[in-house]
């Protein structure tokens, strides 16, 4: 996976998921793709 430097412009694709379980809410946020420059890295 490519390492990005501070100040690099990147594009991140996120998934957001919220579930209720016994009156409590749980949230999940995950990045499934990160792009910067000519390199693309998948997190799955």
PDB file of N, CA and C in Angstrom:
ATOM      1  N   UNK A   1       0.840  -1.173   0.000  1.00  0.00           N
ATOM      2  CA  UNK A   1       0.000   0.000   0.000  1.00  0.00           C
ATOM      3  C   UNK A   1       0.887   1.239   0.000  1.00  0.00           C
ATOM      4  N   UNK A   2       0.510   2.224  -0.800  1.00  0.00           N
ATOM      5  CA  UNK A   2       1.285   3.458  -0.920  1.00  0.00           C
ATOM      6  C   UNK A   2       1.145   4.306   0.335  1.00  0.00           C
ATOM      7  N   UNK A   3       2.258   4.867   0.772  1.00  0.00           N
ATOM      8  CA  UNK A   3       2.257   5.787   1.912  1.00  0.00           C
ATOM      9  C   UNK A   3       2.142   7.207   1.374  1.00  0.00           C
ATOM     10  N   UNK A   4       1.234   8.000   1.935  1.00  0.00           N
ATOM     11  CA  UNK A   4       1.051   9.386   1.512  1.00  0.00           C
ATOM     12  C   UNK A   4       1.745  10.316   2.489  1.00  0.00           C
ATOM     13  N   UNK A   5       2.234  11.433   1.979  1.00  0.00           N
ATOM     14  CA  UNK A   5       2.923  12.418   2.800  1.00  0.00           C
ATOM     15  C   UNK A   5       1.939  13.467   3.301  1.00  0.00           C
ATOM     16  N   UNK A   6       2.304  14.155   4.367  1.00  0.00           N
ATOM     17  CA  UNK A   6       1.492  15.252   4.885  1.00  0.00           C
ATOM     18  C   UNK A   6       1.347  16.296   3.789  1.00  0.00           C
ATOM     19  N   UNK A   7       0.114  16.723   3.533  1.00  0.00           N
ATOM     20  CA  UNK A   7      -0.147  17.725   2.506  1.00  0.00           C
ATOM     21  C   UNK A   7      -0.558  17.144   1.170  1.00  0.00           C
ATOM     22  N   UNK A   8      -0.413  15.816   0.977  1.00  0.00           N
ATOM     23  CA  UNK A   8      -0.852  15.182  -0.264  1.00  0.00           C
ATOM     24  C   UNK A   8      -2.371  15.241  -0.367  1.00  0.00           C
ATOM     25  N   UNK A   9      -2.864  15.452  -1.582  1.00  0.00           N
ATOM     26  CA  UNK A   9      -4.303  15.394  -1.828  1.00  0.00           C
ATOM     27  C   UNK A   9      -4.679  13.936  -2.075  1.00  0.00           C
ATOM     28  N   UNK A  10      -5.679  13.444  -1.356  1.00  0.00           N
ATOM     29  CA  UNK A  10      -6.144  12.069  -1.534  1.00  0.00           C
ATOM     30  C   UNK A  10      -7.663  12.064  -1.654  1.00  0.00           C
ATOM     31  N   UNK A  11      -8.182  10.991  -2.201  1.00  0.00           N
ATOM     32  CA  UNK A  11      -9.625  10.776  -2.286  1.00  0.00           C
ATOM     33  C   UNK A  11      -9.925   9.498  -1.521  1.00  0.00           C
ATOM     34  N   UNK A  12     -10.874   9.568  -0.589  1.00  0.00           N
ATOM     35  CA  UNK A  12     -11.200   8.422   0.255  1.00  0.00           C
ATOM     36  C   UNK A  12     -12.677   8.078   0.076  1.00  0.00           C
ATOM     37  N   UNK A  13     -12.969   6.816  -0.162  1.00  0.00           N
ATOM     38  CA  UNK A  13     -14.340   6.325  -0.272  1.00  0.00           C
ATOM     39  C   UNK A  13     -14.703   5.680   1.060  1.00  0.00           C
ATOM     40  N   UNK A  14     -15.805   6.122   1.659  1.00  0.00           N
ATOM     41  CA  UNK A  14     -16.190   5.657   2.991  1.00  0.00           C
ATOM     42  C   UNK A  14     -17.525   4.931   2.966  1.00  0.00           C
ATOM     43  N   UNK A  15     -17.688   3.989   3.872  1.00  0.00           N
ATOM     44  CA  UNK A  15     -18.970   3.344   4.160  1.00  0.00           C
ATOM     45  C   UNK A  15     -19.392   3.755   5.559  1.00  0.00           C
ATOM     46  N   UNK A  16     -20.645   4.150   5.704  1.00  0.00           N
ATOM     47  CA  UNK A  16     -21.215   4.488   7.003  1.00  0.00           C
ATOM     48  C   UNK A  16     -22.355   3.520   7.290  1.00  0.00           C
ATOM     49  N   UNK A  17     -22.376   2.975   8.488  1.00  0.00           N
ATOM     50  CA  UNK A  17     -23.439   2.054   8.864  1.00  0.00           C
ATOM     51  C   UNK A  17     -23.825   2.329  10.311  1.00  0.00           C
ATOM     52  N   UNK A  18     -25.127   2.444  10.566  1.00  0.00           N
ATOM     53  CA  UNK A  18     -25.624   2.670  11.925  1.00  0.00           C
ATOM     54  C   UNK A  18     -26.645   1.582  12.245  1.00  0.00           C
ATOM     55  N   UNK A  19     -26.519   0.991  13.426  1.00  0.00           N
ATOM     56  CA  UNK A  19     -27.439  -0.049  13.877  1.00  0.00           C
ATOM     57  C   UNK A  19     -27.908   0.262  15.284  1.00  0.00           C
ATOM     58  N   UNK A  20     -29.171  -0.069  15.545  1.00  0.00           N
ATOM     59  CA  UNK A  20     -29.693   0.042  16.900  1.00  0.00           C
ATOM     60  C   UNK A  20     -29.781  -1.360  17.491  1.00  0.00           C
ATOM     61  N   UNK A  21     -29.305  -1.501  18.716  1.00  0.00           N
ATOM     62  CA  UNK A  21     -29.377  -2.776  19.411  1.00  0.00           C
ATOM     63  C   UNK A  21     -29.725  -2.494  20.860  1.00  0.00           C
ATOM     64  N   UNK A  22     -30.879  -2.973  21.291  1.00  0.00           N
ATOM     65  CA  UNK A  22     -31.366  -2.784  22.662  1.00  0.00           C
ATOM     66  C   UNK A  22     -31.292  -1.320  23.091  1.00  0.00           C
ATOM     67  N   UNK A  23     -31.900  -0.474  22.289  1.00  0.00           N
ATOM     68  CA  UNK A  23     -32.036   0.983  22.509  1.00  0.00           C
ATOM     69  C   UNK A  23     -30.713   1.752  22.457  1.00  0.00           C
ATOM     70  N   UNK A  24     -29.629   1.128  22.026  1.00  0.00           N
ATOM     71  CA  UNK A  24     -28.346   1.832  21.869  1.00  0.00           C
ATOM     72  C   UNK A  24     -27.957   1.840  20.392  1.00  0.00           C
ATOM     73  N   UNK A  25     -27.335   2.927  19.977  1.00  0.00           N
ATOM     74  CA  UNK A  25     -26.917   3.060  18.585  1.00  0.00           C
ATOM     75  C   UNK A  25     -25.428   2.782  18.450  1.00  0.00           C
ATOM     76  N   UNK A  26     -25.081   2.021  17.431  1.00  0.00           N
ATOM     77  CA  UNK A  26     -23.694   1.694  17.125  1.00  0.00           C
ATOM     78  C   UNK A  26     -23.410   2.145  15.698  1.00  0.00           C
ATOM     79  N   UNK A  27     -22.300   2.834  15.511  1.00  0.00           N
ATOM     80  CA  UNK A  27     -21.924   3.349  14.200  1.00  0.00           C
ATOM     81  C   UNK A  27     -20.630   2.697  13.735  1.00  0.00           C
ATOM     82  N   UNK A  28     -20.565   2.453  12.439  1.00  0.00           N
ATOM     83  CA  UNK A  28     -19.353   1.898  11.845  1.00  0.00           C
ATOM     84  C   UNK A  28     -18.985   2.745  10.632  1.00  0.00           C
ATOM     85  N   UNK A  29     -17.758   3.203  10.599  1.00  0.00           N
ATOM     86  CA  UNK A  29     -17.239   3.960   9.465  1.00  0.00           C
ATOM     87  C   UNK A  29     -15.988   3.238   8.983  1.00  0.00           C
ATOM     88  N   UNK A  30     -15.956   2.914   7.699  1.00  0.00           N
ATOM     89  CA  UNK A  30     -14.777   2.238   7.156  1.00  0.00           C
ATOM     90  C   UNK A  30     -14.416   2.828   5.797  1.00  0.00           C
ATOM     91  N   UNK A  31     -13.120   2.923   5.532  1.00  0.00           N
ATOM     92  CA  UNK A  31     -12.622   3.366   4.232  1.00  0.00           C
ATOM     93  C   UNK A  31     -12.373   2.117   3.394  1.00  0.00           C
ATOM     94  N   UNK A  32     -12.975   2.057   2.229  1.00  0.00           N
ATOM     95  CA  UNK A  32     -12.798   0.875   1.400  1.00  0.00           C
ATOM     96  C   UNK A  32     -11.916   1.137   0.182  1.00  0.00           C
ATOM     97  N   UNK A  33     -11.582   2.410  -0.059  1.00  0.00           N
ATOM     98  CA  UNK A  33     -10.672   2.722  -1.165  1.00  0.00           C
ATOM     99  C   UNK A  33     -10.016   4.070  -0.894  1.00  0.00           C
ATOM    100  N   UNK A  34      -8.713   4.148  -1.112  1.00  0.00           N
ATOM    101  CA  UNK A  34      -7.964   5.385  -0.924  1.00  0.00           C
ATOM    102  C   UNK A  34      -7.165   5.634  -2.202  1.00  0.00           C
ATOM    103  N   UNK A  35      -7.339   6.820  -2.799  1.00  0.00           N
ATOM    104  CA  UNK A  35      -6.630   7.161  -4.030  1.00  0.00           C
ATOM    105  C   UNK A  35      -5.821   8.434  -3.814  1.00  0.00           C
ATOM    106  N   UNK A  36      -4.640   8.471  -4.392  1.00  0.00           N
ATOM    107  CA  UNK A  36      -3.822   9.672  -4.357  1.00  0.00           C
ATOM    108  C   UNK A  36      -2.833   9.653  -5.502  1.00  0.00           C
ATOM    109  N   UNK A  37      -2.823  10.689  -6.323  1.00  0.00           N
ATOM    110  CA  UNK A  37      -1.914  10.720  -7.474  1.00  0.00           C
ATOM    111  C   UNK A  37      -2.263   9.621  -8.457  1.00  0.00           C
ATOM    112  N   UNK A  38      -1.280   8.803  -8.820  1.00  0.00           N
ATOM    113  CA  UNK A  38      -1.511   7.727  -9.784  1.00  0.00           C
ATOM    114  C   UNK A  38      -1.694   6.379  -9.113  1.00  0.00           C
ATOM    115  N   UNK A  39      -1.520   6.328  -7.787  1.00  0.00           N
ATOM    116  CA  UNK A  39      -1.618   5.053  -7.069  1.00  0.00           C
ATOM    117  C   UNK A  39      -3.003   4.890  -6.466  1.00  0.00           C
ATOM    118  N   UNK A  40      -3.491   3.673  -6.446  1.00  0.00           N
ATOM    119  CA  UNK A  40      -4.767   3.348  -5.822  1.00  0.00           C
ATOM    120  C   UNK A  40      -4.540   2.195  -4.858  1.00  0.00           C
ATOM    121  N   UNK A  41      -5.100   2.306  -3.661  1.00  0.00           N
ATOM    122  CA  UNK A  41      -4.953   1.249  -2.661  1.00  0.00           C
ATOM    123  C   UNK A  41      -6.328   0.833  -2.179  1.00  0.00           C
ATOM    124  N   UNK A  42      -6.595  -0.449  -2.150  1.00  0.00           N
ATOM    125  CA  UNK A  42      -7.839  -0.977  -1.620  1.00  0.00           C
ATOM    126  C   UNK A  42      -7.585  -1.522  -0.225  1.00  0.00           C
ATOM    127  N   UNK A  43      -8.531  -1.289   0.695  1.00  0.00           N
ATOM    128  CA  UNK A  43      -8.353  -1.747   2.071  1.00  0.00           C
ATOM    129  C   UNK A  43      -9.013  -3.089   2.309  1.00  0.00           C
ATOM    130  N   UNK A  44      -9.603  -3.696   1.284  1.00  0.00           N
ATOM    131  CA  UNK A  44     -10.266  -4.983   1.471  1.00  0.00           C
ATOM    132  C   UNK A  44      -9.518  -6.086   0.784  1.00  0.00           C
TER     133      UNK A  44
END
